[in-house]
C-alpha atoms as a PDB file:
ATOM      1  CA  MET A   1     -28.091  -6.683 -12.372  1.00  0.00           C
ATOM      2  CA  PRO A   2     -24.563  -4.973 -11.472  1.00  0.00           C
ATOM      3  CA  GLU A   3     -21.644  -7.123 -11.073  1.00  0.00           C
ATOM      4  CA  ASN A   4     -21.218  -5.948  -6.998  1.00  0.00           C
ATOM      5  CA  GLN A   5     -25.162  -6.849  -6.561  1.00  0.00           C
ATOM      6  CA  ALA A   6     -24.656 -10.344  -8.431  1.00  0.00           C
ATOM      7  CA  LYS A   7     -21.720 -10.745  -6.093  1.00  0.00           C
ATOM      8  CA  LEU A   8     -23.314  -9.970  -2.904  1.00  0.00           C
ATOM      9  CA  MET A   9     -26.545 -12.615  -3.864  1.00  0.00           C
ATOM     10  CA  GLU A  10     -23.869 -14.759  -4.544  1.00  0.00           C
ATOM     11  CA  ARG A  11     -22.603 -14.296  -0.405  1.00  0.00           C
ATOM     12  CA  ARG A  12     -26.088 -14.870   0.793  1.00  0.00           C
ATOM     13  CA  ARG A  13     -27.120 -17.994   2.073  1.00  0.00           C
ATOM     14  CA  HIS A  14     -30.563 -17.257   2.382  1.00  0.00           C
ATOM     15  CA  ALA A  15     -33.395 -15.105   1.058  1.00  0.00           C
ATOM     16  CA  ARG A  16     -33.844 -11.427   2.885  1.00  0.00           C
ATOM     17  CA  MET A  17     -37.744 -10.228   3.223  1.00  0.00           C
ATOM     18  CA  PRO A  18     -38.573  -7.067   4.894  1.00  0.00           C
ATOM     19  CA  LEU A  19     -38.990  -6.645   8.268  1.00  0.00           C
ATOM     20  CA  PHE A  20     -39.512  -3.127   9.704  1.00  0.00           C
ATOM     21  CA  LYS A  21     -39.784  -3.355  13.606  1.00  0.00           C
ATOM     22  CA  GLN A  22     -38.016  -1.724  16.086  1.00  0.00           C
ATOM     23  CA  ILE A  23     -36.556  -4.603  18.414  1.00  0.00           C
ATOM     24  CA  GLN A  24     -34.100  -4.025  21.795  1.00  0.00           C
ATOM     25  CA  SER A  25     -30.460  -5.469  21.813  1.00  0.00           C
ATOM     26  CA  ILE A  26     -28.262  -6.587  24.654  1.00  0.00           C
ATOM     27  CA  ARG A  27     -24.536  -6.617  24.299  1.00  0.00           C
ATOM     28  CA  LEU A  28     -23.359  -9.794  26.144  1.00  0.00           C
ATOM     29  CA  ASP A  29     -19.679  -7.993  25.584  1.00  0.00           C
ATOM     30  CA  PRO A  30     -20.243  -4.946  26.431  1.00  0.00           C
ATOM     31  CA  GLU A  31     -17.740  -1.556  25.457  1.00  0.00           C
ATOM     32  CA  PRO A  32     -18.390   1.674  27.792  1.00  0.00           C
ATOM     33  CA  GLY A  33     -21.630   3.042  26.627  1.00  0.00           C
ATOM     34  CA  GLN A  34     -25.482   1.531  26.389  1.00  0.00           C
ATOM     35  CA  VAL A  35     -25.678  -2.260  27.216  1.00  0.00           C
ATOM     36  CA  VAL A  36     -29.268  -2.337  26.181  1.00  0.00           C
ATOM     37  CA  GLN A  37     -30.073  -0.478  22.811  1.00  0.00           C
ATOM     38  CA  GLU A  38     -33.299   0.094  20.344  1.00  0.00           C
ATOM     39  CA  LEU A  39     -32.395  -0.776  17.040  1.00  0.00           C
ATOM     40  CA  GLN A  40     -34.468  -0.514  13.740  1.00  0.00           C
ATOM     41  CA  ALA A  41     -34.684  -3.847  12.015  1.00  0.00           C
ATOM     42  CA  PHE A  42     -35.131  -3.578   8.052  1.00  0.00           C
ATOM     43  CA  ASP A  43     -34.386  -6.940   7.067  1.00  0.00           C
ATOM     44  CA  LEU A  44     -34.662 -10.522   7.759  1.00  0.00           C
ATOM     45  CA  SER A  45     -33.511 -14.289   6.665  1.00  0.00           C
ATOM     46  CA  ARG A  46     -33.101 -17.573   8.337  1.00  0.00           C
ATOM     47  CA  SER A  47     -29.388 -16.748   8.829  1.00  0.00           C
ATOM     48  CA  GLY A  48     -29.335 -13.298   9.897  1.00  0.00           C
ATOM     49  CA  MET A  49     -30.903  -9.835  10.262  1.00  0.00           C
ATOM     50  CA  GLY A  50     -30.147  -5.939   9.074  1.00  0.00           C
ATOM     51  CA  VAL A  51     -30.493  -3.348  11.351  1.00  0.00           C
ATOM     52  CA  MET A  52     -29.684   0.343  11.954  1.00  0.00           C
ATOM     53  CA  SER A  53     -28.166   1.505  15.154  1.00  0.00           C
ATOM     54  CA  LYS A  54     -27.822   5.180  16.744  1.00  0.00           C
ATOM     55  CA  GLU A  55     -24.045   3.204  18.012  1.00  0.00           C
ATOM     56  CA  ALA A  56     -21.411   1.373  16.585  1.00  0.00           C
ATOM     57  CA  PHE A  57     -20.839  -2.148  17.027  1.00  0.00           C
ATOM     58  CA  TYR A  58     -17.686  -3.989  15.988  1.00  0.00           C
ATOM     59  CA  PRO A  59     -17.325  -7.536  14.712  1.00  0.00           C
ATOM     60  CA  GLY A  60     -17.629 -10.251  16.733  1.00  0.00           C
ATOM     61  CA  GLN A  61     -19.705  -8.393  19.190  1.00  0.00           C
ATOM     62  CA  ARG A  62     -22.509 -11.069  20.564  1.00  0.00           C
ATOM     63  CA  LEU A  63     -25.944  -9.656  21.140  1.00  0.00           C
ATOM     64  CA  VAL A  64     -29.352 -11.107  22.618  1.00  0.00           C
ATOM     65  CA  LEU A  65     -32.017  -9.682  20.547  1.00  0.00           C
ATOM     66  CA  GLN A  66     -35.543  -9.222  21.893  1.00  0.00           C
ATOM     67  CA  ILE A  67     -37.722  -9.573  18.810  1.00  0.00           C
ATOM     68  CA  PRO A  68     -41.366  -8.696  19.317  1.00  0.00           C
ATOM     69  CA  ARG A  69     -44.067 -11.036  18.211  1.00  0.00           C
ATOM     70  CA  ASN A  70     -47.012  -9.712  16.265  1.00  0.00           C
ATOM     71  CA  LYS A  71     -49.941 -12.328  17.314  1.00  0.00           C
ATOM     72  CA  ASP A  72     -49.090 -12.386  21.427  1.00  0.00           C
ATOM     73  CA  ASN A  73     -46.919  -9.140  22.085  1.00  0.00           C
ATOM     74  CA  SER A  74     -44.873 -11.522  23.702  1.00  0.00           C
ATOM     75  CA  GLU A  75     -41.002 -11.276  22.648  1.00  0.00           C
ATOM     76  CA  ARG A  76     -38.592 -13.819  21.219  1.00  0.00           C
ATOM     77  CA  SER A  77     -35.010 -14.147  22.473  1.00  0.00           C
ATOM     78  CA  VAL A  78     -32.068 -14.639  19.934  1.00  0.00           C
ATOM     79  CA  TYR A  79     -28.389 -14.904  20.007  1.00  0.00           C
ATOM     80  CA  ALA A  80     -26.657 -13.198  16.983  1.00  0.00           C
ATOM     81  CA  THR A  81     -23.010 -11.929  16.119  1.00  0.00           C
ATOM     82  CA  VAL A  82     -22.195  -8.661  14.599  1.00  0.00           C
ATOM     83  CA  VAL A  83     -20.563  -9.513  10.949  1.00  0.00           C
ATOM     84  CA  ARG A  84     -20.394  -5.895   9.857  1.00  0.00           C
ATOM     85  CA  CYS A  85     -21.176  -2.071  10.677  1.00  0.00           C
ATOM     86  CA  THR A  86     -21.177   0.557   8.369  1.00  0.00           C
ATOM     87  CA  LYS A  87     -21.465   4.084   8.909  1.00  0.00           C
ATOM     88  CA  ALA A  88     -24.560   5.191   7.293  1.00  0.00           C
ATOM     89  CA  ALA A  89     -24.943   8.860   8.364  1.00  0.00           C
ATOM     90  CA  GLU A  90     -24.179  10.843  11.297  1.00  0.00           C
ATOM     91  CA  LYS A  91     -25.111   8.728  14.277  1.00  0.00           C
ATOM     92  CA  GLN A  92     -26.418   6.005  12.032  1.00  0.00           C
ATOM     93  CA  TYR A  93     -25.126   2.464  11.371  1.00  0.00           C
ATOM     94  CA  ARG A  94     -25.984  -0.348   9.463  1.00  0.00           C
ATOM     95  CA  VAL A  95     -25.612  -3.316  11.178  1.00  0.00           C
ATOM     96  CA  GLY A  96     -25.250  -6.619   9.820  1.00  0.00           C
ATOM     97  CA  LEU A  97     -25.776  -9.808  12.316  1.00  0.00           C
ATOM     98  CA  GLU A  98     -25.790 -13.121  11.945  1.00  0.00           C
ATOM     99  CA  PHE A  99     -27.777 -15.717  14.414  1.00  0.00           C
ATOM    100  CA  GLU A 100     -26.094 -17.986  16.218  1.00  0.00           C
ATOM    101  CA  SER A 101     -26.598 -21.633  15.220  1.00  0.00           C
ATOM    102  CA  THR A 102     -28.712 -22.391  18.148  1.00  0.00           C
ATOM    103  CA  SER A 103     -31.129 -19.501  17.589  1.00  0.00           C
ATOM    104  CA  ASN A 104     -31.341 -20.159  13.623  1.00  0.00           C
ATOM    105  CA  ASP A 105     -34.455 -22.377  14.242  1.00  0.00           C
ATOM    106  CA  SER A 106     -35.845 -19.798  16.261  1.00  0.00           C
ATOM    107  CA  ALA A 107     -35.389 -16.858  13.549  1.00  0.00           C
ATOM    108  CA  CYS A 108     -36.365 -19.068  11.271  1.00  0.00           C
ATOM    109  CA  SER A 109     -39.917 -20.081  12.812  1.00  0.00           C
ATOM    110  CA  TYR A 110     -40.407 -16.551  13.318  1.00  0.00           C
ATOM    111  CA  ALA A 111     -39.792 -15.587   9.980  1.00  0.00           C
ATOM    112  CA  GLN A 112     -42.258 -18.170   8.726  1.00  0.00           C
ATOM    113  CA  THR A 113     -45.099 -17.222  10.786  1.00  0.00           C
ATOM    114  CA  ASN A 114     -44.740 -13.667  11.170  1.00  0.00           C
ATOM    115  CA  THR A 115     -45.661 -11.313   7.958  1.00  0.00           C
ATOM    116  CA  VAL A 116     -44.027  -8.124   7.420  1.00  0.00           C
ATOM    117  CA  VAL A 117     -45.386  -5.009   9.773  1.00  0.00           C
ATOM    118  CA  ALA A 118     -44.478  -1.648  10.041  1.00  0.00           C
ATOM    119  CA  ALA A 119     -43.129  -0.484  13.312  1.00  0.00           C
END
């Protein structure tokens, strides 16, 4: 395993699993621009989620994520904080989100009860 991959693995507190879902985010401390935004989730763990966005976020920005459930078409609201945002391509940003402590149980429950599903 390359050294940079090993260091990334050491930083992770929880294993990640692939999750390919469209989710909606609501910015709690909005900058000029959209307050509600569609994101493409690509992975999920007990403590956070990776998403792709058409707009940039800034570290420390707080969001409410509306995550659809598989079984009954309902949604689960989870609070998250942006920990990183890097430009991946033109109008594409890779965003790392950390769930707030009050949301960890909700996110963990979601991860355990929902299988990986393509959007």
